[in-house]
Amino acid sequence: MKTELILREPDLYFDSIHNELNNFLRDTIINPAFSHQLSMKKISTWRPAVEIKQSENNYLIKVQLPGVNKDDIEVELDNDFMTITAKIEEEKEEKEQNEKNMKYHTCEFRYGKYKRTISFDQPIRSEDANAEYKNGILTIKLPKQQVEQAKTRKLEIREKK
């Protein structure tokens, strides 16, 4: 079986590394007494981790979306790519129960939007795709379109008159 590469999104990949590096620097170098001021959350777009397998006839994609409700996930399919978006918001109920002057000591939960676009090396049959969501893992099965192999033929060359 021929191994094919799936294209990655360099911008989102480096954004994720940048965010992790900022968190590391904040937590290890900056005085922890001031960390509550720096942990103000901003709306972020996260890049969820994926596992992609393929067989001769299908792609099988697993996406980690911990804490996301099924109704907050969207999957958009095109001929040769798929975009997954999801969102997770901080629970307001928990916030109201806490004291008004409570500040975060540490918050590593990822609130905001998740987005990931995956390109495929072979077109997919989106009408036959299916998805399941269980325990924070979105599993998507995408059948491949059967593409005919190009047949070699000799072109007859005629003499110009």
Protein backbone atom coordinates (compact mmCIF):
# COMPACT_ATOMS: atom_id res chain seq x y z
CA MET A 1 0.00 0.00 0.00
CA LYS A 2 1.32 3.40 -0.97
CA THR A 3 1.80 5.80 1.95
CA GLU A 4 0.38 9.25 1.32
CA LEU A 5 1.10 12.40 3.30
CA ILE A 6 -1.69 14.60 4.58
CA LEU A 7 -0.98 18.31 4.50
CA ARG A 8 -0.70 20.18 7.81
CA GLU A 9 -1.66 23.74 8.66
CA PRO A 10 1.61 25.46 9.62
CA ASP A 11 -0.02 28.67 10.88
CA LEU A 12 -2.27 26.92 13.40
CA TYR A 13 0.51 24.51 14.37
CA PHE A 14 2.87 27.33 15.28
CA ASP A 15 0.08 29.27 17.05
CA SER A 16 -0.45 26.25 19.28
CA ILE A 17 3.28 26.00 20.07
CA HIS A 18 3.36 29.75 20.75
CA ASN A 19 0.45 29.47 23.22
CA GLU A 20 2.07 26.54 25.03
CA LEU A 21 5.40 28.40 25.26
CA ASN A 22 3.66 31.48 26.68
CA ASN A 23 1.94 29.33 29.30
CA PHE A 24 5.23 27.67 30.23
CA LEU A 25 7.06 30.97 30.57
CA ARG A 26 4.25 32.49 32.61
CA ASP A 27 4.11 29.54 34.99
CA THR A 28 7.84 28.99 35.49
CA ILE A 29 9.64 32.30 35.10
CA ILE A 30 7.24 35.00 36.18
CA ASN A 31 6.63 35.39 39.89
CA PRO A 32 3.62 33.20 40.79
CA ALA A 33 2.28 35.99 43.01
CA PHE A 34 1.44 37.96 39.87
CA SER A 35 0.25 35.04 37.74
CA HIS A 36 -3.44 35.67 38.53
CA GLN A 37 -3.18 39.00 36.70
CA LEU A 38 -1.71 37.29 33.66
CA SER A 39 -4.21 34.44 33.53
CA MET A 40 -7.06 36.57 32.24
CA LYS A 41 -8.64 34.48 29.58
CA LYS A 42 -8.98 35.69 26.04
CA ILE A 43 -10.99 34.16 23.27
CA SER A 44 -8.65 31.72 21.60
CA THR A 45 -8.83 29.37 18.67
CA TRP A 46 -7.36 26.01 19.56
CA ARG A 47 -6.17 23.33 17.20
CA PRO A 48 -7.50 19.97 18.40
CA ALA A 49 -5.32 16.89 18.22
CA VAL A 50 -6.23 14.41 15.51
CA GLU A 51 -5.47 10.83 14.58
CA ILE A 52 -5.91 10.03 10.89
CA LYS A 53 -5.81 6.56 9.40
CA GLN A 54 -6.59 5.46 5.89
CA SER A 55 -7.30 2.26 4.08
CA GLU A 56 -7.80 1.67 0.41
CA ASN A 57 -11.47 2.75 0.66
CA ASN A 58 -11.81 5.02 3.72
CA TYR A 59 -10.31 7.68 5.95
CA LEU A 60 -10.86 7.27 9.70
CA ILE A 61 -10.36 10.48 11.67
CA LYS A 62 -10.45 10.84 15.47
CA VAL A 63 -10.49 14.32 16.97
CA GLN A 64 -9.93 15.13 20.66
CA LEU A 65 -12.54 17.62 21.89
CA PRO A 66 -12.61 17.20 25.69
CA GLY A 67 -15.49 18.90 27.47
CA VAL A 68 -17.24 19.95 24.25
CA ASN A 69 -20.96 19.22 23.91
CA LYS A 70 -22.00 17.32 20.78
CA ASP A 71 -24.33 20.17 19.77
CA ASP A 72 -21.38 22.60 19.74
CA ILE A 73 -19.48 20.65 17.05
CA GLU A 74 -19.76 21.27 13.31
CA VAL A 75 -18.15 19.25 10.54
CA GLU A 76 -18.05 20.72 7.05
CA LEU A 77 -17.10 18.40 4.19
CA ASP A 78 -15.85 19.35 0.77
CA ASN A 79 -14.53 17.23 -2.06
CA ASP A 80 -10.98 16.94 -0.72
CA PHE A 81 -10.95 18.54 2.72
CA MET A 82 -12.89 18.70 5.98
CA THR A 83 -13.19 21.50 8.54
CA ILE A 84 -14.13 20.79 12.15
CA THR A 85 -15.20 23.65 14.41
CA ALA A 86 -16.33 23.46 18.00
CA LYS A 87 -16.65 25.78 20.95
CA ILE A 88 -16.47 25.45 24.68
CA GLU A 89 -17.37 28.19 27.10
CA GLU A 90 -16.65 28.55 30.77
CA GLU A 91 -19.56 27.40 32.89
CA LYS A 92 -21.30 30.53 34.15
CA GLU A 93 -23.11 28.64 36.91
CA GLU A 94 -19.84 27.74 38.63
CA LYS A 95 -18.64 31.34 38.41
CA GLU A 96 -21.76 32.70 40.13
CA GLN A 97 -21.40 30.24 43.01
CA ASN A 98 -17.85 31.41 43.75
CA GLU A 99 -17.13 34.46 45.81
CA LYS A 100 -17.19 37.71 43.81
CA ASN A 101 -13.55 38.52 44.56
CA MET A 102 -12.20 35.09 43.56
CA LYS A 103 -9.34 35.17 41.08
CA TYR A 104 -7.82 32.32 39.18
CA HIS A 105 -4.70 30.81 40.67
CA THR A 106 -4.23 28.55 37.64
CA CYS A 107 -6.51 27.92 34.68
CA GLU A 108 -5.30 25.49 32.04
CA PHE A 109 -8.72 24.66 30.63
CA ARG A 110 -9.11 25.62 27.00
CA TYR A 111 -12.13 27.83 26.53
CA GLY A 112 -13.00 29.31 23.20
CA LYS A 113 -13.12 27.88 19.71
CA TYR A 114 -11.55 24.77 18.25
CA LYS A 115 -10.87 24.66 14.52
CA ARG A 116 -9.07 22.19 12.32
CA THR A 117 -8.99 21.74 8.56
CA ILE A 118 -7.72 18.46 7.16
CA SER A 119 -6.84 17.99 3.49
CA PHE A 120 -7.05 14.60 1.81
CA ASP A 121 -4.95 13.19 -1.00
CA GLN A 122 -8.00 11.58 -2.60
CA PRO A 123 -11.54 13.02 -2.97
CA ILE A 124 -14.15 11.85 -0.45
CA ARG A 125 -17.80 10.84 -0.81
CA SER A 126 -19.32 13.26 1.69
CA GLU A 127 -22.86 11.88 1.23
CA ASP A 128 -21.71 8.54 2.71
CA ALA A 129 -19.73 9.97 5.64
CA ASN A 130 -20.72 9.35 9.25
CA ALA A 131 -19.63 10.65 12.65
CA GLU A 132 -19.93 9.60 16.29
CA TYR A 133 -19.02 11.46 19.48
CA LYS A 134 -18.22 9.70 22.75
CA ASN A 135 -16.11 10.64 25.79
CA GLY A 136 -14.65 13.73 24.14
CA ILE A 137 -13.57 11.90 20.97
CA LEU A 138 -15.19 12.68 17.62
CA THR A 139 -14.79 9.76 15.19
CA ILE A 140 -15.48 10.38 11.51
CA LYS A 141 -15.47 7.78 8.74
CA LEU A 142 -15.10 9.19 5.23
CA PRO A 143 -15.36 6.89 2.23
CA LYS A 144 -12.97 7.73 -0.61
CA GLN A 145 -14.21 8.32 -4.13
CA GLN A 146 -12.94 5.65 -6.43
CA VAL A 147 -10.75 7.38 -8.95
CA GLU A 148 -9.86 5.50 -12.10
CA GLN A 149 -6.19 5.03 -12.74
CA ALA A 150 -5.00 6.91 -15.79
CA LYS A 151 -4.49 4.52 -18.66
CA THR A 152 -1.45 4.98 -20.84
CA ARG A 153 -2.06 5.15 -24.53
CA LYS A 154 0.11 5.96 -27.46
CA LEU A 155 -0.83 9.02 -29.45
CA GLU A 156 -0.67 8.59 -33.17
CA ILE A 157 1.32 11.31 -34.83
CA ARG A 158 0.14 12.22 -38.28
CA GLU A 159 2.25 13.86 -40.86
CA LYS A 160 1.15 17.38 -41.74
CA LYS A 161 0.36 17.91 -45.40
